[in-house]
Amino acid sequence: MSEVTKISNPNTLKGVASHLEKNVIRQSKQIAKLRLENARLRGQDLGPQMELTLLKEQLKAMKRVLRTTVRALMIARLNNSFLEN
């Protein structure tokens, strides 16, 4: 289980989610740059297909973060509503 799912305060969770999202985006961009540089150094084609592949990988990473964040928010809201009743 992710540590994010243990956070019960929605405001804290939003802050953590925002931080994680920014990190994933930053890291995905860095990985894309490094893969392009690696391909260039190996003399591989740097055409649109490679760029599309890298963009798809970035999208997958962002979707993973979003799924985790949504799941954690749902758990936090359930915990809060349970505690209120």
N, C-alpha and C. Protein backbone atom coordinates (compact mmCIF):
# COMPACT_ATOMS: atom_id res chain seq x y z
N MET A 1 0.83 -1.17 0.00
CA MET A 1 0.00 0.00 0.00
C MET A 1 0.89 1.24 0.00
N SER A 2 0.49 2.23 -0.74
CA SER A 2 1.24 3.47 -0.84
C SER A 2 1.12 4.27 0.46
N GLU A 3 2.16 5.00 0.79
CA GLU A 3 2.13 5.86 1.97
C GLU A 3 1.08 6.96 1.81
N VAL A 4 0.79 7.35 0.58
CA VAL A 4 -0.18 8.41 0.31
C VAL A 4 -1.56 8.00 0.82
N THR A 5 -1.89 6.72 0.73
CA THR A 5 -3.21 6.27 1.15
C THR A 5 -3.39 6.34 2.67
N LYS A 6 -2.33 6.55 3.41
CA LYS A 6 -2.42 6.64 4.87
C LYS A 6 -2.72 8.07 5.34
N ILE A 7 -2.68 9.04 4.44
CA ILE A 7 -2.93 10.43 4.80
C ILE A 7 -4.43 10.64 4.88
N SER A 8 -4.91 11.16 6.01
CA SER A 8 -6.35 11.34 6.18
C SER A 8 -6.80 12.79 5.98
N ASN A 9 -5.89 13.73 6.10
CA ASN A 9 -6.24 15.14 5.93
C ASN A 9 -6.27 15.49 4.44
N PRO A 10 -7.44 15.89 3.92
CA PRO A 10 -7.56 16.18 2.48
C PRO A 10 -6.62 17.30 2.00
N ASN A 11 -6.41 18.32 2.83
CA ASN A 11 -5.52 19.42 2.41
C ASN A 11 -4.07 18.95 2.31
N THR A 12 -3.65 18.15 3.27
CA THR A 12 -2.30 17.59 3.22
C THR A 12 -2.16 16.70 2.00
N LEU A 13 -3.18 15.91 1.75
CA LEU A 13 -3.16 14.99 0.61
C LEU A 13 -3.08 15.75 -0.71
N LYS A 14 -3.80 16.85 -0.81
CA LYS A 14 -3.74 17.66 -2.03
C LYS A 14 -2.34 18.20 -2.25
N GLY A 15 -1.70 18.65 -1.17
CA GLY A 15 -0.33 19.16 -1.27
C GLY A 15 0.65 18.08 -1.70
N VAL A 16 0.51 16.89 -1.11
CA VAL A 16 1.38 15.77 -1.48
C VAL A 16 1.14 15.38 -2.93
N ALA A 17 -0.13 15.33 -3.33
CA ALA A 17 -0.45 14.96 -4.71
C ALA A 17 0.14 15.96 -5.70
N SER A 18 0.03 17.22 -5.38
CA SER A 18 0.60 18.25 -6.25
C SER A 18 2.11 18.10 -6.38
N HIS A 19 2.75 17.85 -5.25
CA HIS A 19 4.21 17.66 -5.24
C HIS A 19 4.60 16.44 -6.08
N LEU A 20 3.87 15.33 -5.89
CA LEU A 20 4.17 14.12 -6.64
C LEU A 20 3.96 14.33 -8.14
N GLU A 21 2.89 15.02 -8.48
CA GLU A 21 2.60 15.26 -9.89
C GLU A 21 3.73 16.08 -10.54
N LYS A 22 4.17 17.11 -9.85
CA LYS A 22 5.26 17.94 -10.37
C LYS A 22 6.53 17.12 -10.53
N ASN A 23 6.80 16.26 -9.56
CA ASN A 23 7.99 15.41 -9.65
C ASN A 23 7.92 14.45 -10.82
N VAL A 24 6.77 13.83 -11.02
CA VAL A 24 6.61 12.89 -12.13
C VAL A 24 6.80 13.60 -13.46
N ILE A 25 6.22 14.76 -13.60
CA ILE A 25 6.35 15.52 -14.85
C ILE A 25 7.80 15.90 -15.09
N ARG A 26 8.46 16.41 -14.04
CA ARG A 26 9.88 16.81 -14.17
C ARG A 26 10.75 15.61 -14.53
N GLN A 27 10.54 14.50 -13.84
CA GLN A 27 11.35 13.32 -14.10
C GLN A 27 11.06 12.73 -15.48
N SER A 28 9.81 12.76 -15.90
CA SER A 28 9.47 12.24 -17.23
C SER A 28 10.14 13.06 -18.33
N LYS A 29 10.15 14.36 -18.14
CA LYS A 29 10.82 15.22 -19.13
C LYS A 29 12.31 14.94 -19.18
N GLN A 30 12.91 14.77 -17.99
CA GLN A 30 14.35 14.49 -17.93
C GLN A 30 14.65 13.15 -18.59
N ILE A 31 13.83 12.15 -18.32
CA ILE A 31 14.04 10.83 -18.93
C ILE A 31 13.92 10.93 -20.45
N ALA A 32 12.93 11.68 -20.93
CA ALA A 32 12.74 11.85 -22.37
C ALA A 32 13.98 12.49 -23.00
N LYS A 33 14.51 13.52 -22.36
CA LYS A 33 15.71 14.19 -22.87
C LYS A 33 16.89 13.22 -22.92
N LEU A 34 17.04 12.45 -21.85
CA LEU A 34 18.16 11.51 -21.79
C LEU A 34 18.02 10.40 -22.83
N ARG A 35 16.80 9.94 -23.05
CA ARG A 35 16.59 8.90 -24.06
C ARG A 35 16.87 9.44 -25.46
N LEU A 36 16.46 10.68 -25.72
CA LEU A 36 16.76 11.28 -27.02
C LEU A 36 18.26 11.44 -27.22
N GLU A 37 18.94 11.90 -26.16
CA GLU A 37 20.39 12.05 -26.25
C GLU A 37 21.06 10.70 -26.46
N ASN A 38 20.59 9.69 -25.76
CA ASN A 38 21.14 8.34 -25.90
C ASN A 38 20.95 7.83 -27.33
N ALA A 39 19.77 8.04 -27.88
CA ALA A 39 19.49 7.60 -29.25
C ALA A 39 20.38 8.34 -30.24
N ARG A 40 20.56 9.63 -30.02
CA ARG A 40 21.42 10.43 -30.90
C ARG A 40 22.85 9.92 -30.86
N LEU A 41 23.34 9.64 -29.64
CA LEU A 41 24.70 9.16 -29.49
C LEU A 41 24.90 7.78 -30.12
N ARG A 42 23.85 6.99 -30.17
CA ARG A 42 23.93 5.67 -30.79
C ARG A 42 23.67 5.73 -32.29
N GLY A 43 23.37 6.92 -32.79
CA GLY A 43 23.12 7.07 -34.22
C GLY A 43 21.74 6.58 -34.65
N GLN A 44 20.81 6.49 -33.70
CA GLN A 44 19.47 6.02 -34.02
C GLN A 44 18.61 7.16 -34.56
N ASP A 45 17.52 6.77 -35.19
CA ASP A 45 16.58 7.73 -35.76
C ASP A 45 15.89 8.51 -34.65
N LEU A 46 15.86 9.81 -34.75
CA LEU A 46 15.20 10.67 -33.77
C LEU A 46 13.88 11.20 -34.31
N GLY A 47 13.23 10.44 -35.14
CA GLY A 47 12.02 10.88 -35.81
C GLY A 47 10.80 11.00 -34.91
N PRO A 48 9.70 11.33 -35.53
CA PRO A 48 8.45 11.54 -34.80
C PRO A 48 7.98 10.30 -34.02
N GLN A 49 8.30 9.12 -34.53
CA GLN A 49 7.86 7.90 -33.84
C GLN A 49 8.48 7.79 -32.46
N MET A 50 9.76 8.12 -32.36
CA MET A 50 10.42 8.06 -31.06
C MET A 50 9.83 9.11 -30.12
N GLU A 51 9.57 10.30 -30.64
CA GLU A 51 8.97 11.35 -29.82
C GLU A 51 7.59 10.93 -29.32
N LEU A 52 6.81 10.30 -30.19
CA LEU A 52 5.50 9.82 -29.81
C LEU A 52 5.61 8.76 -28.71
N THR A 53 6.55 7.87 -28.83
CA THR A 53 6.76 6.83 -27.82
C THR A 53 7.09 7.45 -26.47
N LEU A 54 7.96 8.44 -26.47
CA LEU A 54 8.33 9.10 -25.22
C LEU A 54 7.14 9.84 -24.60
N LEU A 55 6.34 10.48 -25.43
CA LEU A 55 5.15 11.18 -24.92
C LEU A 55 4.15 10.20 -24.32
N LYS A 56 4.00 9.04 -24.94
CA LYS A 56 3.11 8.02 -24.40
C LYS A 56 3.60 7.53 -23.04
N GLU A 57 4.90 7.38 -22.89
CA GLU A 57 5.45 6.96 -21.61
C GLU A 57 5.22 8.01 -20.53
N GLN A 58 5.36 9.28 -20.90
CA GLN A 58 5.10 10.35 -19.96
C GLN A 58 3.64 10.33 -19.52
N LEU A 59 2.75 10.13 -20.46
CA LEU A 59 1.32 10.08 -20.16
C LEU A 59 1.00 8.92 -19.22
N LYS A 60 1.60 7.77 -19.45
CA LYS A 60 1.37 6.62 -18.57
C LYS A 60 1.82 6.93 -17.15
N ALA A 61 2.96 7.58 -17.01
CA ALA A 61 3.47 7.92 -15.68
C ALA A 61 2.53 8.89 -14.98
N MET A 62 2.03 9.87 -15.70
CA MET A 62 1.11 10.84 -15.12
C MET A 62 -0.21 10.17 -14.73
N LYS A 63 -0.67 9.22 -15.52
CA LYS A 63 -1.91 8.50 -15.19
C LYS A 63 -1.74 7.69 -13.92
N ARG A 64 -0.56 7.09 -13.74
CA ARG A 64 -0.31 6.31 -12.52
C ARG A 64 -0.40 7.21 -11.29
N VAL A 65 0.20 8.40 -11.38
CA VAL A 65 0.15 9.33 -10.26
C VAL A 65 -1.29 9.77 -10.00
N LEU A 66 -2.01 10.04 -11.05
CA LEU A 66 -3.40 10.48 -10.91
C LEU A 66 -4.25 9.39 -10.25
N ARG A 67 -4.08 8.15 -10.69
CA ARG A 67 -4.84 7.04 -10.09
C ARG A 67 -4.54 6.91 -8.60
N THR A 68 -3.28 6.98 -8.25
CA THR A 68 -2.88 6.87 -6.85
C THR A 68 -3.47 8.01 -6.03
N THR A 69 -3.43 9.21 -6.60
CA THR A 69 -3.95 10.39 -5.90
C THR A 69 -5.45 10.30 -5.70
N VAL A 70 -6.16 9.92 -6.74
CA VAL A 70 -7.62 9.80 -6.64
C VAL A 70 -7.99 8.73 -5.62
N ARG A 71 -7.30 7.62 -5.66
CA ARG A 71 -7.56 6.54 -4.71
C ARG A 71 -7.33 7.03 -3.28
N ALA A 72 -6.24 7.75 -3.07
CA ALA A 72 -5.93 8.25 -1.74
C ALA A 72 -6.96 9.28 -1.28
N LEU A 73 -7.40 10.15 -2.18
CA LEU A 73 -8.43 11.13 -1.84
C LEU A 73 -9.73 10.45 -1.44
N MET A 74 -10.10 9.41 -2.18
CA MET A 74 -11.32 8.68 -1.87
C MET A 74 -11.22 8.03 -0.49
N ILE A 75 -10.08 7.44 -0.19
CA ILE A 75 -9.89 6.81 1.11
C ILE A 75 -9.94 7.86 2.22
N ALA A 76 -9.30 9.01 2.00
CA ALA A 76 -9.29 10.07 3.01
C ALA A 76 -10.71 10.58 3.26
N ARG A 77 -11.48 10.75 2.20
CA ARG A 77 -12.86 11.22 2.38
C ARG A 77 -13.70 10.19 3.11
N LEU A 78 -13.50 8.91 2.78
CA LEU A 78 -14.24 7.86 3.49
C LEU A 78 -13.87 7.84 4.96
N ASN A 79 -12.57 8.00 5.25
CA ASN A 79 -12.13 8.02 6.65
C ASN A 79 -12.74 9.21 7.39
N ASN A 80 -12.76 10.38 6.74
CA ASN A 80 -13.32 11.57 7.37
C ASN A 80 -14.81 11.41 7.62
N SER A 81 -15.53 10.87 6.64
CA SER A 81 -16.98 10.70 6.83
C SER A 81 -17.26 9.66 7.89
N PHE A 82 -16.42 8.65 7.97
CA PHE A 82 -16.58 7.62 9.01
C PHE A 82 -16.35 8.22 10.39
N LEU A 83 -15.34 9.08 10.52
CA LEU A 83 -15.02 9.69 11.80
C LEU A 83 -16.10 10.69 12.24
N GLU A 84 -16.74 11.34 11.26
CA GLU A 84 -17.78 12.32 11.58
C GLU A 84 -19.05 11.66 12.06
N ASN A 85 -19.30 10.43 11.64
CA ASN A 85 -20.54 9.73 12.03
C ASN A 85 -20.36 8.96 13.27
